[in-house]
Structure formats: C-alpha cells, structure tokens
N, C-alpha and C. Protein backbone atom coordinates (compact mmCIF):
# COMPACT_ATOMS: atom_id res chain seq x y z
N UNK A 1 92.55 -52.38 -13.39
CA UNK A 1 92.12 -53.69 -13.83
C UNK A 1 93.34 -54.40 -14.43
N UNK A 2 93.43 -55.67 -14.17
CA UNK A 2 94.55 -56.47 -14.65
C UNK A 2 94.46 -56.62 -16.17
N UNK A 3 95.63 -56.74 -16.80
CA UNK A 3 95.70 -56.79 -18.25
C UNK A 3 95.03 -58.04 -18.80
N UNK A 4 95.09 -59.17 -18.08
CA UNK A 4 94.47 -60.40 -18.59
C UNK A 4 92.94 -60.31 -18.53
N UNK A 5 92.38 -59.49 -17.65
CA UNK A 5 90.93 -59.29 -17.64
C UNK A 5 90.53 -58.46 -18.86
N UNK A 6 91.32 -57.45 -19.18
CA UNK A 6 91.06 -56.63 -20.37
C UNK A 6 91.14 -57.51 -21.62
N UNK A 7 92.14 -58.38 -21.67
CA UNK A 7 92.29 -59.28 -22.81
C UNK A 7 91.09 -60.23 -22.92
N UNK A 8 90.63 -60.77 -21.78
CA UNK A 8 89.48 -61.67 -21.79
C UNK A 8 88.22 -60.96 -22.28
N UNK A 9 87.96 -59.75 -21.80
CA UNK A 9 86.76 -59.03 -22.21
C UNK A 9 86.81 -58.67 -23.69
N UNK A 10 87.98 -58.33 -24.19
CA UNK A 10 88.13 -58.06 -25.62
C UNK A 10 87.91 -59.32 -26.43
N UNK A 11 88.47 -60.43 -25.96
CA UNK A 11 88.28 -61.72 -26.64
C UNK A 11 86.80 -62.12 -26.62
N UNK A 12 86.13 -61.86 -25.52
CA UNK A 12 84.71 -62.18 -25.38
C UNK A 12 83.87 -61.37 -26.37
N UNK A 13 84.14 -60.09 -26.46
CA UNK A 13 83.39 -59.24 -27.39
C UNK A 13 83.63 -59.66 -28.83
N UNK A 14 84.88 -59.93 -29.19
CA UNK A 14 85.19 -60.35 -30.56
C UNK A 14 84.53 -61.68 -30.91
N UNK A 15 84.50 -62.61 -29.95
CA UNK A 15 83.86 -63.90 -30.19
C UNK A 15 82.36 -63.74 -30.40
N UNK A 16 81.74 -62.85 -29.65
CA UNK A 16 80.30 -62.60 -29.82
C UNK A 16 80.05 -61.99 -31.19
N UNK A 17 80.88 -61.03 -31.59
CA UNK A 17 80.68 -60.38 -32.90
C UNK A 17 80.88 -61.35 -34.06
N UNK A 18 81.81 -62.31 -33.90
CA UNK A 18 82.06 -63.29 -34.96
C UNK A 18 81.19 -64.52 -34.82
N UNK A 19 80.30 -64.54 -33.83
CA UNK A 19 79.34 -65.61 -33.58
C UNK A 19 80.00 -66.96 -33.32
N UNK A 20 81.06 -66.94 -32.51
CA UNK A 20 81.69 -68.19 -32.08
C UNK A 20 80.84 -68.82 -30.98
N UNK A 21 80.98 -70.12 -30.83
CA UNK A 21 80.21 -70.84 -29.81
C UNK A 21 80.87 -70.79 -28.44
N UNK A 22 82.22 -70.77 -28.41
CA UNK A 22 82.92 -70.76 -27.13
C UNK A 22 84.27 -70.10 -27.26
N UNK A 23 84.80 -69.72 -26.10
CA UNK A 23 86.18 -69.25 -26.02
C UNK A 23 86.85 -69.97 -24.86
N UNK A 24 88.17 -70.04 -24.90
CA UNK A 24 88.94 -70.73 -23.88
C UNK A 24 89.94 -69.75 -23.29
N UNK A 25 89.96 -69.65 -21.95
CA UNK A 25 90.88 -68.74 -21.26
C UNK A 25 91.62 -69.50 -20.17
N UNK A 26 92.79 -68.97 -19.79
CA UNK A 26 93.56 -69.58 -18.71
C UNK A 26 92.82 -69.39 -17.40
N UNK A 27 92.93 -70.40 -16.56
CA UNK A 27 92.20 -70.41 -15.30
C UNK A 27 93.04 -69.82 -14.17
N UNK A 28 92.47 -68.87 -13.44
CA UNK A 28 93.01 -68.39 -12.18
C UNK A 28 91.84 -67.90 -11.34
N UNK A 29 92.08 -67.55 -10.10
CA UNK A 29 90.98 -67.21 -9.19
C UNK A 29 90.18 -66.00 -9.68
N UNK A 30 90.86 -64.97 -10.15
CA UNK A 30 90.18 -63.76 -10.61
C UNK A 30 89.31 -64.06 -11.82
N UNK A 31 89.84 -64.85 -12.73
CA UNK A 31 89.09 -65.19 -13.93
C UNK A 31 87.88 -66.04 -13.60
N UNK A 32 88.02 -66.95 -12.64
CA UNK A 32 86.89 -67.77 -12.22
C UNK A 32 85.77 -66.91 -11.64
N UNK A 33 86.15 -65.92 -10.83
CA UNK A 33 85.15 -65.02 -10.23
C UNK A 33 84.44 -64.22 -11.31
N UNK A 34 85.20 -63.70 -12.29
CA UNK A 34 84.60 -62.90 -13.36
C UNK A 34 83.67 -63.75 -14.22
N UNK A 35 84.10 -64.94 -14.58
CA UNK A 35 83.27 -65.81 -15.43
C UNK A 35 82.01 -66.25 -14.68
N UNK A 36 82.12 -66.56 -13.40
CA UNK A 36 80.94 -66.93 -12.62
C UNK A 36 79.98 -65.75 -12.50
N UNK A 37 80.52 -64.55 -12.38
CA UNK A 37 79.66 -63.37 -12.32
C UNK A 37 78.90 -63.19 -13.63
N UNK A 38 79.59 -63.34 -14.76
CA UNK A 38 78.93 -63.22 -16.06
C UNK A 38 77.85 -64.29 -16.23
N UNK A 39 78.11 -65.48 -15.69
CA UNK A 39 77.12 -66.56 -15.76
C UNK A 39 75.91 -66.24 -14.89
N UNK A 40 76.13 -65.74 -13.69
CA UNK A 40 75.03 -65.41 -12.79
C UNK A 40 74.19 -64.26 -13.32
N UNK A 41 74.82 -63.34 -14.04
CA UNK A 41 74.10 -62.21 -14.63
C UNK A 41 73.44 -62.58 -15.95
N UNK A 42 73.56 -63.86 -16.34
CA UNK A 42 72.93 -64.41 -17.55
C UNK A 42 73.47 -63.76 -18.83
N UNK A 43 74.78 -63.45 -18.83
CA UNK A 43 75.41 -62.88 -20.01
C UNK A 43 76.10 -63.94 -20.86
N UNK A 44 76.40 -65.10 -20.27
CA UNK A 44 76.98 -66.21 -21.02
C UNK A 44 76.13 -67.45 -20.79
N UNK A 45 76.27 -68.43 -21.66
CA UNK A 45 75.42 -69.62 -21.62
C UNK A 45 75.84 -70.60 -20.53
N UNK A 46 77.11 -71.02 -20.54
CA UNK A 46 77.59 -71.98 -19.54
C UNK A 46 79.10 -71.92 -19.43
N UNK A 47 79.61 -72.67 -18.46
CA UNK A 47 81.04 -72.69 -18.15
C UNK A 47 81.46 -74.14 -17.94
N UNK A 48 82.65 -74.47 -18.43
CA UNK A 48 83.25 -75.77 -18.14
C UNK A 48 84.70 -75.50 -17.79
N UNK A 49 85.07 -75.79 -16.54
CA UNK A 49 86.41 -75.45 -16.06
C UNK A 49 87.18 -76.70 -15.67
N UNK A 50 88.48 -76.64 -15.89
CA UNK A 50 89.40 -77.63 -15.34
C UNK A 50 90.55 -76.86 -14.68
N UNK A 51 91.62 -77.52 -14.31
CA UNK A 51 92.68 -76.84 -13.57
C UNK A 51 93.44 -75.81 -14.40
N UNK A 52 93.55 -76.01 -15.70
CA UNK A 52 94.36 -75.12 -16.53
C UNK A 52 93.53 -74.10 -17.31
N UNK A 53 92.34 -74.48 -17.77
CA UNK A 53 91.57 -73.61 -18.64
C UNK A 53 90.10 -73.54 -18.24
N UNK A 54 89.45 -72.47 -18.68
CA UNK A 54 88.00 -72.31 -18.51
C UNK A 54 87.41 -72.17 -19.91
N UNK A 55 86.47 -73.03 -20.25
CA UNK A 55 85.73 -72.91 -21.50
C UNK A 55 84.46 -72.13 -21.23
N UNK A 56 84.29 -71.04 -21.94
CA UNK A 56 83.12 -70.19 -21.78
C UNK A 56 82.25 -70.36 -23.01
N UNK A 57 81.05 -70.88 -22.83
CA UNK A 57 80.13 -71.09 -23.94
C UNK A 57 79.22 -69.87 -24.05
N UNK A 58 79.12 -69.34 -25.26
CA UNK A 58 78.44 -68.07 -25.49
C UNK A 58 77.03 -68.27 -26.01
N UNK A 59 76.18 -67.31 -25.71
CA UNK A 59 74.83 -67.32 -26.26
C UNK A 59 74.90 -66.87 -27.71
N UNK A 60 74.04 -67.44 -28.54
CA UNK A 60 74.08 -67.11 -29.96
C UNK A 60 73.58 -65.70 -30.25
N UNK A 61 72.63 -65.22 -29.48
CA UNK A 61 72.11 -63.88 -29.72
C UNK A 61 72.19 -63.06 -28.44
N UNK A 62 73.40 -62.66 -28.10
CA UNK A 62 73.61 -61.87 -26.89
C UNK A 62 73.86 -60.43 -27.27
N UNK A 63 72.82 -59.64 -27.27
CA UNK A 63 72.93 -58.25 -27.69
C UNK A 63 73.64 -57.39 -26.67
N UNK A 64 73.58 -57.75 -25.40
CA UNK A 64 74.20 -56.91 -24.37
C UNK A 64 75.73 -56.96 -24.46
N UNK A 65 76.31 -58.11 -24.77
CA UNK A 65 77.77 -58.19 -24.88
C UNK A 65 78.29 -57.65 -26.21
N UNK A 66 77.41 -57.47 -27.20
CA UNK A 66 77.84 -56.84 -28.44
C UNK A 66 78.31 -55.42 -28.21
N UNK A 67 77.72 -54.76 -27.24
CA UNK A 67 78.03 -53.36 -26.95
C UNK A 67 78.95 -53.20 -25.76
N UNK A 68 79.72 -54.23 -25.43
CA UNK A 68 80.62 -54.19 -24.29
C UNK A 68 81.66 -53.09 -24.48
N UNK A 69 81.83 -52.27 -23.46
CA UNK A 69 82.78 -51.17 -23.52
C UNK A 69 83.59 -51.14 -22.24
N UNK A 70 84.92 -51.25 -22.38
CA UNK A 70 85.81 -51.19 -21.22
C UNK A 70 85.94 -49.75 -20.75
N UNK A 71 85.84 -49.54 -19.46
CA UNK A 71 85.96 -48.20 -18.90
C UNK A 71 87.28 -48.05 -18.14
N UNK A 72 87.47 -48.85 -17.10
CA UNK A 72 88.71 -48.80 -16.33
C UNK A 72 89.75 -49.71 -16.98
N UNK A 73 90.98 -49.25 -16.98
CA UNK A 73 92.09 -50.04 -17.49
C UNK A 73 93.12 -50.19 -16.37
N UNK A 74 94.25 -50.80 -16.68
CA UNK A 74 95.27 -50.97 -15.65
C UNK A 74 95.96 -49.65 -15.32
N UNK A 75 95.83 -48.64 -16.18
CA UNK A 75 96.42 -47.32 -15.92
C UNK A 75 95.40 -46.30 -15.45
N UNK A 76 94.14 -46.50 -15.79
CA UNK A 76 93.10 -45.51 -15.49
C UNK A 76 91.95 -46.19 -14.75
N UNK A 77 91.71 -45.77 -13.51
CA UNK A 77 90.62 -46.31 -12.72
C UNK A 77 89.58 -45.22 -12.49
N UNK A 78 88.33 -45.54 -12.73
CA UNK A 78 87.24 -44.58 -12.55
C UNK A 78 86.32 -45.12 -11.46
N UNK A 79 86.24 -44.39 -10.35
CA UNK A 79 85.43 -44.81 -9.22
C UNK A 79 84.15 -44.00 -9.15
N UNK A 80 83.09 -44.65 -8.67
CA UNK A 80 81.78 -44.00 -8.50
C UNK A 80 81.29 -44.22 -7.08
N UNK A 81 80.71 -43.20 -6.52
CA UNK A 81 80.08 -43.33 -5.21
C UNK A 81 78.65 -43.87 -5.40
N UNK A 82 78.00 -44.16 -4.30
CA UNK A 82 76.62 -44.66 -4.36
C UNK A 82 75.70 -43.65 -5.04
N UNK A 83 75.90 -42.37 -4.77
CA UNK A 83 75.05 -41.32 -5.37
C UNK A 83 75.23 -41.28 -6.88
N UNK A 84 76.48 -41.38 -7.33
CA UNK A 84 76.74 -41.38 -8.78
C UNK A 84 76.17 -42.62 -9.46
N UNK A 85 76.23 -43.77 -8.78
CA UNK A 85 75.67 -45.01 -9.33
C UNK A 85 74.15 -44.89 -9.45
N UNK A 86 73.53 -44.23 -8.49
CA UNK A 86 72.08 -44.03 -8.55
C UNK A 86 71.70 -43.21 -9.78
N UNK A 87 72.53 -42.25 -10.13
CA UNK A 87 72.26 -41.44 -11.32
C UNK A 87 72.50 -42.23 -12.61
N UNK A 88 73.47 -43.16 -12.59
CA UNK A 88 73.75 -43.97 -13.77
C UNK A 88 72.60 -44.91 -14.10
N UNK A 89 71.87 -45.33 -13.11
CA UNK A 89 70.83 -46.35 -13.29
C UNK A 89 69.63 -45.85 -14.06
N UNK A 90 69.64 -44.60 -14.49
CA UNK A 90 68.52 -44.07 -15.24
C UNK A 90 68.40 -44.72 -16.62
N UNK A 91 69.52 -45.18 -17.17
CA UNK A 91 69.52 -45.84 -18.48
C UNK A 91 69.26 -47.33 -18.27
N UNK A 92 68.06 -47.78 -18.56
CA UNK A 92 67.64 -49.16 -18.29
C UNK A 92 68.31 -50.14 -19.25
N UNK A 93 68.66 -49.72 -20.45
CA UNK A 93 69.19 -50.65 -21.46
C UNK A 93 70.62 -51.08 -21.18
N UNK A 94 71.34 -50.40 -20.30
CA UNK A 94 72.74 -50.71 -20.08
C UNK A 94 72.96 -51.32 -18.71
N UNK A 95 73.92 -52.21 -18.63
CA UNK A 95 74.31 -52.83 -17.37
C UNK A 95 75.74 -52.39 -17.05
N UNK A 96 75.94 -51.75 -15.92
CA UNK A 96 77.24 -51.28 -15.49
C UNK A 96 77.80 -52.30 -14.48
N UNK A 97 79.04 -52.71 -14.68
CA UNK A 97 79.66 -53.69 -13.80
C UNK A 97 80.75 -52.99 -12.98
N UNK A 98 80.65 -53.13 -11.64
CA UNK A 98 81.55 -52.47 -10.72
C UNK A 98 82.35 -53.48 -9.92
N UNK A 99 83.58 -53.11 -9.59
CA UNK A 99 84.39 -53.86 -8.64
C UNK A 99 84.25 -53.14 -7.31
N UNK A 100 83.68 -53.82 -6.32
CA UNK A 100 83.40 -53.21 -5.02
C UNK A 100 84.08 -54.01 -3.92
N UNK A 101 83.90 -53.55 -2.69
CA UNK A 101 84.43 -54.29 -1.55
C UNK A 101 83.67 -55.59 -1.35
N UNK A 102 82.47 -55.70 -1.91
CA UNK A 102 81.66 -56.91 -1.83
C UNK A 102 81.90 -57.85 -3.01
N UNK A 103 82.81 -57.51 -3.92
CA UNK A 103 83.08 -58.30 -5.12
C UNK A 103 82.53 -57.60 -6.34
N UNK A 104 82.36 -58.33 -7.43
CA UNK A 104 81.80 -57.77 -8.65
C UNK A 104 80.29 -57.64 -8.50
N UNK A 105 79.77 -56.45 -8.81
CA UNK A 105 78.34 -56.20 -8.70
C UNK A 105 77.87 -55.37 -9.88
N UNK A 106 76.61 -55.55 -10.25
CA UNK A 106 75.99 -54.71 -11.27
C UNK A 106 75.52 -53.42 -10.60
N UNK A 107 75.12 -52.45 -11.42
CA UNK A 107 74.65 -51.18 -10.86
C UNK A 107 73.40 -51.37 -10.00
N UNK A 108 72.56 -52.33 -10.35
CA UNK A 108 71.35 -52.58 -9.57
C UNK A 108 71.69 -53.14 -8.19
N UNK A 109 72.67 -54.05 -8.14
CA UNK A 109 73.09 -54.60 -6.85
C UNK A 109 73.78 -53.55 -5.99
N UNK A 110 74.55 -52.68 -6.62
CA UNK A 110 75.20 -51.59 -5.88
C UNK A 110 74.16 -50.65 -5.28
N UNK A 111 73.10 -50.38 -6.03
CA UNK A 111 72.03 -49.54 -5.50
C UNK A 111 71.34 -50.19 -4.32
N UNK A 112 71.08 -51.49 -4.41
CA UNK A 112 70.42 -52.20 -3.32
C UNK A 112 71.26 -52.20 -2.06
N UNK A 113 72.58 -52.40 -2.22
CA UNK A 113 73.47 -52.48 -1.06
C UNK A 113 74.01 -51.12 -0.64
N UNK A 114 73.71 -50.07 -1.42
CA UNK A 114 74.13 -48.69 -1.14
C UNK A 114 75.64 -48.56 -0.99
N UNK A 115 76.37 -49.11 -1.99
CA UNK A 115 77.82 -48.99 -2.00
C UNK A 115 78.29 -48.50 -3.36
N UNK A 116 79.49 -47.96 -3.39
CA UNK A 116 80.12 -47.51 -4.62
C UNK A 116 81.22 -48.46 -5.01
N UNK A 117 81.91 -48.15 -6.11
CA UNK A 117 83.00 -49.00 -6.56
C UNK A 117 83.65 -48.49 -7.81
N UNK A 118 84.56 -49.27 -8.34
CA UNK A 118 85.30 -48.93 -9.54
C UNK A 118 84.55 -49.51 -10.74
N UNK A 119 84.21 -48.65 -11.69
CA UNK A 119 83.49 -49.07 -12.90
C UNK A 119 84.46 -49.81 -13.82
N UNK A 120 84.16 -51.09 -14.10
CA UNK A 120 85.02 -51.90 -14.95
C UNK A 120 84.59 -51.83 -16.41
N UNK A 121 83.33 -52.15 -16.68
CA UNK A 121 82.85 -52.13 -18.05
C UNK A 121 81.34 -51.96 -18.08
N UNK A 122 80.87 -51.60 -19.29
CA UNK A 122 79.44 -51.41 -19.54
C UNK A 122 79.03 -52.39 -20.61
N UNK A 123 77.88 -53.01 -20.45
CA UNK A 123 77.36 -53.87 -21.52
C UNK A 123 75.86 -53.69 -21.65
C-alpha cells in the first residue's frame, strides 16, 4: 500500500476520534478511487473535489471508522484467497476492505464475486 494512503487513513481515523467535520487531502487518481469507495460504502458523509484537493466530510457518529485498523503496509502485504475471505465474513460487526483485480471491494463483495485480494484495512 502506498504511504500516502496510509497517511490518509490515519488522518481519517484521528479526525473521527477528535470529532472533526472534514479533512482535506491532496487529489490524485488513487485517492479519488479510495474516497469514492468509502462514500459508496457509506463510511463518510460527502465529498467535494477540485483539481488540487479533496474535501472529505465526516459523519458525526461513525462507529465503524473509530475502530479502523491498517493491515497491509508498503512493506508488508497480506493476501487472502476466496476461501479465507469466506471464513473472515463470520464476524458481522467488522468490514474488511480488499484491493482486488476488480478494484477496492469489501469482504461481502469479494464473497459475491468469488475472488481474493490484498487486505488493506479493517473497520
């Protein structure tokens, strides 16, 4: 995982814990994909983007991002097959986010599509 993604996720978790309304990150294609994924998964409230920055507006009571835990880093990558992802899905309270050949997917989407991937973070 790229270092700026790790920095963004850490910034996101800290902002949630301190109850900030928004955070601002530099805009690039990878960051846009990640932020759109978080929006589609209903983990953030809204997004406002321009050419240089992305403003991410946070939900006031987002319990799932309070427990955000980074798994893969730029030095350590942990991959899961479809069978292993099926076993992970037993815990209903947690959402596992994977980087797959189909893009960023949650554990539920990976199960539906029967694919594996690299575990990025848990929330």
